[in-house]
Protein backbone atom coordinates (compact mmCIF):
# COMPACT_ATOMS: atom_id res chain seq x y z
CA UNK A 1 0.10 -0.09 0.00
CA UNK A 2 2.83 2.42 0.54
CA UNK A 3 4.04 1.87 -3.14
CA UNK A 4 0.39 2.91 -4.36
CA UNK A 5 0.29 5.80 -2.09
CA UNK A 6 3.74 7.11 -3.32
CA UNK A 7 2.44 6.60 -6.79
CA UNK A 8 -0.68 8.73 -6.11
CA UNK A 9 1.51 11.41 -4.38
CA UNK A 10 3.98 11.70 -7.21
CA UNK A 11 1.20 11.81 -9.87
CA UNK A 12 -0.27 14.80 -7.75
CA UNK A 13 3.03 16.43 -7.81
CA UNK A 14 3.65 15.54 -11.55
CA UNK A 15 0.50 17.19 -12.62
CA UNK A 16 0.85 20.28 -10.15
CA UNK A 17 3.80 21.23 -12.18
CA UNK A 18 1.81 22.46 -15.20
CA UNK A 19 -0.02 25.17 -13.26
CA UNK A 20 -0.21 27.69 -16.19
CA UNK A 21 -1.75 24.89 -18.48
CA UNK A 22 -4.19 23.96 -15.49
CA UNK A 23 -5.22 27.62 -14.90
CA UNK A 24 -5.70 28.24 -18.66
CA UNK A 25 -8.23 25.01 -18.79
CA UNK A 26 -9.90 25.91 -15.78
CA UNK A 27 -10.55 29.54 -17.23
CA UNK A 28 -12.02 27.77 -20.19
CA UNK A 29 -14.14 25.71 -18.19
CA UNK A 30 -15.51 28.65 -16.46
CA UNK A 31 -16.29 30.69 -19.49
CA UNK A 32 -18.04 27.69 -20.83
CA UNK A 33 -20.07 27.34 -17.37
CA UNK A 34 -21.54 30.77 -17.97
CA UNK A 35 -22.14 29.81 -21.59
CA UNK A 36 -24.26 27.00 -20.37
CA UNK A 37 -25.84 28.67 -17.56
CA UNK A 38 -27.27 31.26 -20.15
CA UNK A 39 -28.64 28.33 -22.37
CA UNK A 40 -30.30 26.49 -19.28
CA UNK A 41 -31.74 29.77 -17.87
CA UNK A 42 -33.47 30.17 -21.22
CA UNK A 43 -34.60 26.80 -21.39
CA UNK A 44 -36.08 26.66 -17.72
CA UNK A 45 -37.64 30.24 -18.20
CA UNK A 46 -39.63 28.34 -21.05
CA UNK A 47 -40.16 25.07 -19.15
CA UNK A 48 -40.10 25.91 -15.37
CA UNK A 49 -39.67 22.82 -13.02
CA UNK A 50 -38.32 20.92 -15.97
CA UNK A 51 -37.28 17.47 -14.64
CA UNK A 52 -37.91 18.65 -11.05
CA UNK A 53 -35.32 21.15 -11.27
CA UNK A 54 -35.79 25.12 -10.96
CA UNK A 55 -33.60 27.73 -12.29
CA UNK A 56 -31.09 27.79 -9.55
CA UNK A 57 -30.78 24.05 -9.74
CA UNK A 58 -30.16 24.32 -13.42
CA UNK A 59 -27.56 27.20 -13.02
CA UNK A 60 -25.82 25.18 -10.16
CA UNK A 61 -25.71 22.13 -12.14
CA UNK A 62 -24.21 24.02 -15.16
CA UNK A 63 -21.04 25.29 -13.07
CA UNK A 64 -20.79 21.97 -10.99
CA UNK A 65 -20.72 19.84 -14.29
CA UNK A 66 -18.02 22.30 -15.82
CA UNK A 67 -16.10 21.85 -12.29
CA UNK A 68 -16.08 18.06 -12.83
CA UNK A 69 -15.26 17.79 -16.37
CA UNK A 70 -11.29 17.16 -15.46
CA UNK A 71 -11.64 15.19 -12.22
CA UNK A 72 -13.91 12.72 -14.16
CA UNK A 73 -12.15 13.13 -17.35
CA UNK A 74 -15.33 13.28 -19.16
CA UNK A 75 -13.48 14.04 -22.74
CA UNK A 76 -11.59 10.65 -22.12
CA UNK A 77 -7.95 9.99 -21.91
CA UNK A 78 -5.90 10.85 -18.66
CA UNK A 79 -4.14 7.41 -18.74
CA UNK A 80 -0.62 7.22 -20.48
CA UNK A 81 -1.03 3.56 -20.52
CA UNK A 82 -2.55 3.98 -23.89
CA UNK A 83 0.68 5.12 -25.31
CA UNK A 84 2.77 2.64 -23.50
CA UNK A 85 0.65 -0.19 -24.96
CA UNK A 86 1.20 1.25 -28.55
CA UNK A 87 4.88 1.63 -28.08
CA UNK A 88 5.55 -1.54 -26.24
CA UNK A 89 6.59 -0.06 -23.15
CA UNK A 90 4.06 -1.82 -21.21
CA UNK A 91 6.13 -4.67 -20.98
CA UNK A 92 8.14 -2.98 -18.51
CA UNK A 93 5.11 -2.24 -16.56
CA UNK A 94 3.95 -5.66 -16.47
CA UNK A 95 7.67 -6.58 -15.10
CA UNK A 96 7.16 -4.17 -12.12
CA UNK A 97 6.49 -5.69 -8.70
CA UNK A 98 3.07 -3.93 -8.80
CA UNK A 99 -0.13 -4.79 -10.08
CA UNK A 100 -0.84 -2.90 -13.44
CA UNK A 101 -4.39 -1.89 -12.87
CA UNK A 102 -3.52 -0.86 -9.21
CA UNK A 103 -0.57 1.23 -10.52
CA UNK A 104 -2.58 3.09 -12.95
CA UNK A 105 -5.54 3.44 -10.38
CA UNK A 106 -3.11 4.98 -7.99
CA UNK A 107 -1.71 7.41 -10.59
CA UNK A 108 -5.40 8.56 -11.59
CA UNK A 109 -6.13 9.19 -8.06
CA UNK A 110 -3.38 11.54 -7.71
CA UNK A 111 -4.29 13.18 -11.12
CA UNK A 112 -7.87 13.40 -9.91
CA UNK A 113 -6.82 14.89 -6.54
CA UNK A 114 -5.00 17.82 -8.10
CA UNK A 115 -7.76 18.27 -10.67
CA UNK A 116 -10.44 18.84 -7.83
CA UNK A 117 -8.23 21.29 -6.18
CA UNK A 118 -7.08 23.18 -9.57
CA UNK A 119 -10.23 23.11 -11.78
CA UNK A 120 -12.95 21.98 -9.34
CA UNK A 121 -13.26 25.18 -7.42
CA UNK A 122 -12.74 28.09 -9.71
CA UNK A 123 -15.91 27.56 -11.82
CA UNK A 124 -18.19 27.11 -8.90
CA UNK A 125 -16.62 30.18 -7.07
CA UNK A 126 -17.12 32.36 -10.18
CA UNK A 127 -20.71 31.22 -10.78
CA UNK A 128 -21.54 31.90 -7.36
CA UNK A 129 -20.22 35.61 -7.76
CA UNK A 130 -22.84 36.22 -10.48
CA UNK A 131 -25.75 33.90 -9.75
CA UNK A 132 -27.41 32.76 -6.68
CA UNK A 133 -26.20 28.98 -6.59
CA UNK A 134 -27.95 26.64 -4.45
CA UNK A 135 -25.22 25.33 -1.95
CA UNK A 136 -25.85 22.02 -0.01
CA UNK A 137 -26.34 21.90 3.69
CA UNK A 138 -22.96 21.21 5.59
CA UNK A 139 -24.03 17.64 6.21
CA UNK A 140 -24.55 17.17 2.47
CA UNK A 141 -20.83 17.89 1.64
CA UNK A 142 -19.64 14.63 3.13
CA UNK A 143 -22.43 12.84 1.01
CA UNK A 144 -21.21 14.59 -1.90
CA UNK A 145 -17.51 13.70 -1.24
CA UNK A 146 -18.54 9.92 -1.14
CA UNK A 147 -20.31 10.30 -4.71
CA UNK A 148 -17.42 12.05 -6.02
CA UNK A 149 -14.98 9.23 -4.74
CA UNK A 150 -17.07 6.56 -6.21
CA UNK A 151 -17.55 8.49 -9.58
CA UNK A 152 -13.73 8.77 -9.81
CA UNK A 153 -13.49 4.95 -9.58
CA UNK A 154 -16.05 4.39 -12.29
CA UNK A 155 -14.31 7.07 -14.47
CA UNK A 156 -11.27 5.12 -14.10
CA UNK A 157 -12.80 1.92 -14.78
CA UNK A 158 -14.21 3.09 -18.13
CA UNK A 159 -10.88 4.64 -19.20
CA UNK A 160 -8.72 1.72 -18.14
CA UNK A 161 -10.98 -0.79 -20.31
CA UNK A 162 -10.68 1.75 -23.20
CA UNK A 163 -6.90 1.92 -22.76
CA UNK A 164 -6.55 -2.03 -22.82
CA UNK A 165 -8.47 -2.19 -26.05
CA UNK A 166 -5.36 -0.98 -27.82
CA UNK A 167 -3.96 -4.42 -27.06
CA UNK A 168 -6.23 -5.68 -29.85
CA UNK A 169 -6.86 -2.52 -31.91
CA UNK A 170 -3.66 -0.64 -32.33
CA UNK A 171 -5.34 2.67 -33.40
CA UNK A 172 -7.47 3.75 -30.67
CA UNK A 173 -9.03 6.89 -32.13
CA UNK A 174 -12.49 5.27 -33.05
CA UNK A 175 -12.82 3.65 -29.51
CA UNK A 176 -11.86 6.75 -27.79
CA UNK A 177 -14.11 8.91 -29.90
CA UNK A 178 -17.10 6.68 -29.16
CA UNK A 179 -16.09 6.72 -25.30
CA UNK A 180 -16.02 10.51 -25.65
CA UNK A 181 -19.46 10.81 -27.10
CA UNK A 182 -21.03 8.31 -24.84
CA UNK A 183 -19.44 10.29 -21.81
CA UNK A 184 -20.59 13.60 -22.93
CA UNK A 185 -24.04 12.43 -23.64
CA UNK A 186 -24.81 10.03 -20.78
CA UNK A 187 -22.95 11.66 -18.12
CA UNK A 188 -25.30 14.75 -18.02
CA UNK A 189 -22.65 17.20 -19.24
CA UNK A 190 -24.58 18.48 -22.19
CA UNK A 191 -27.89 18.78 -20.42
CA UNK A 192 -28.88 17.17 -17.25
CA UNK A 193 -30.31 13.73 -17.53
CA UNK A 194 -33.43 14.75 -15.84
CA UNK A 195 -34.52 16.48 -18.88
CA UNK A 196 -34.37 13.15 -21.14
CA UNK A 197 -37.84 11.91 -22.02
CA UNK A 198 -39.41 8.57 -21.16
CA UNK A 199 -37.59 5.44 -21.50
CA UNK A 200 -34.36 7.36 -22.92
CA UNK A 201 -34.26 8.91 -19.42
CA UNK A 202 -34.62 5.70 -17.47
CA UNK A 203 -32.20 4.06 -19.47
CA UNK A 204 -29.67 6.96 -19.14
CA UNK A 205 -29.98 6.85 -15.29
CA UNK A 206 -28.88 3.20 -15.36
CA UNK A 207 -25.92 3.37 -17.34
CA UNK A 208 -22.38 3.93 -15.54
CA UNK A 209 -21.90 7.30 -17.30
CA UNK A 210 -24.81 8.52 -15.02
CA UNK A 211 -22.58 7.98 -12.01
CA UNK A 212 -19.75 10.41 -13.13
CA UNK A 213 -21.85 13.96 -13.05
CA UNK A 214 -25.46 13.46 -12.76
CA UNK A 215 -25.75 11.26 -9.56
CA UNK A 216 -22.96 13.44 -7.71
CA UNK A 217 -24.67 16.59 -8.82
CA UNK A 218 -28.31 15.27 -7.50
CA UNK A 219 -26.59 14.72 -4.27
CA UNK A 220 -25.04 18.16 -4.21
CA UNK A 221 -28.40 19.69 -5.03
CA UNK A 222 -30.32 17.55 -2.40
CA UNK A 223 -32.38 15.74 -5.11
CA UNK A 224 -31.00 12.37 -3.94
CA UNK A 225 -31.08 11.82 -0.16
CA UNK A 226 -31.21 8.01 -0.49
CA UNK A 227 -27.56 7.63 -0.10
CA UNK A 228 -27.49 3.69 0.09
CA UNK A 229 -29.17 3.69 -3.29
CA UNK A 230 -26.94 6.14 -4.72
CA UNK A 231 -23.65 4.71 -3.17
CA UNK A 232 -24.77 1.04 -4.20
CA UNK A 233 -25.41 2.19 -7.84
CA UNK A 234 -22.11 3.73 -8.15
CA UNK A 235 -20.31 0.97 -6.22
CA UNK A 236 -21.87 -1.72 -8.35
CA UNK A 237 -20.60 -0.10 -11.62
CA UNK A 238 -17.33 0.56 -9.99
CA UNK A 239 -16.70 -2.99 -8.95
CA UNK A 240 -18.14 -4.23 -12.59
CA UNK A 241 -15.81 -2.15 -14.14
CA UNK A 242 -12.81 -2.89 -12.11
CA UNK A 243 -13.39 -6.71 -12.37
CA UNK A 244 -13.69 -6.52 -15.96
CA UNK A 245 -10.64 -4.61 -16.00
CA UNK A 246 -8.87 -7.29 -14.12
CA UNK A 247 -10.08 -9.87 -16.44
CA UNK A 248 -8.91 -7.95 -19.64
CA UNK A 249 -5.81 -7.44 -17.98
CA UNK A 250 -5.16 -11.13 -17.63
CA UNK A 251 -6.25 -11.62 -21.40
CA UNK A 252 -3.85 -8.75 -22.39
CA UNK A 253 -1.01 -10.47 -20.71
CA UNK A 254 -1.56 -13.59 -22.92
CA UNK A 255 -1.94 -11.49 -25.90
CA UNK A 256 1.19 -9.34 -25.45
CA UNK A 257 4.50 -10.79 -27.35
CA UNK A 258 7.80 -9.17 -26.64
CA UNK A 259 10.67 -9.51 -29.24
CA UNK A 260 14.27 -9.08 -28.41
CA UNK A 261 16.69 -10.32 -25.91
């Protein structure tokens, strides 16, 4: 466990090195938060109480979802494992005295921690200065933190599986593109899943991408107080994805061929 703690701490330090890049990306996320807030304000003025949200809920959702883009890596990526598989350097990783999946999970925990600090606060603070955001009660912050932690595990599980596909499909652009589109649409980033109609909305709430933004946001807004159900949903998907990653890792070990002496 000390090894994985060191990996997470090193990842945090590595990502904190590029502070100007992080600030630039955070500024962009904040600007898009204001743009999305304007769209959602117009939508909710036309359809008050849409999906059980009011205007304040919609505005808060806009800035909260922008704050969670990088921690949850909604646009995909975040694992250097993809390139290491493509170049063959993963052979070195597989010979380390550490579990491959555990190594990259620890690395992603460090990255996520820095993203929460650097890119998860400014959008919310900027929105709060302009709009009356709906802040949760003090007790809800702990519940929200638990939902974010489980969302991070789901996010890693999805992206780890996408990375492992490169063992079989050497050009991952198609798989990564599909992964990004599904994350954008079904996480709630484009519009809250509560506005999805009928069966589409019901199915969207059952998919793993809902655990990335929509579920934590509903906890933040006080729309979900059934924390056992919330955590069970996220934990079930996290466990399923991590087990699938474990099985695919075993298959990848048998697939890998290393030439040379």
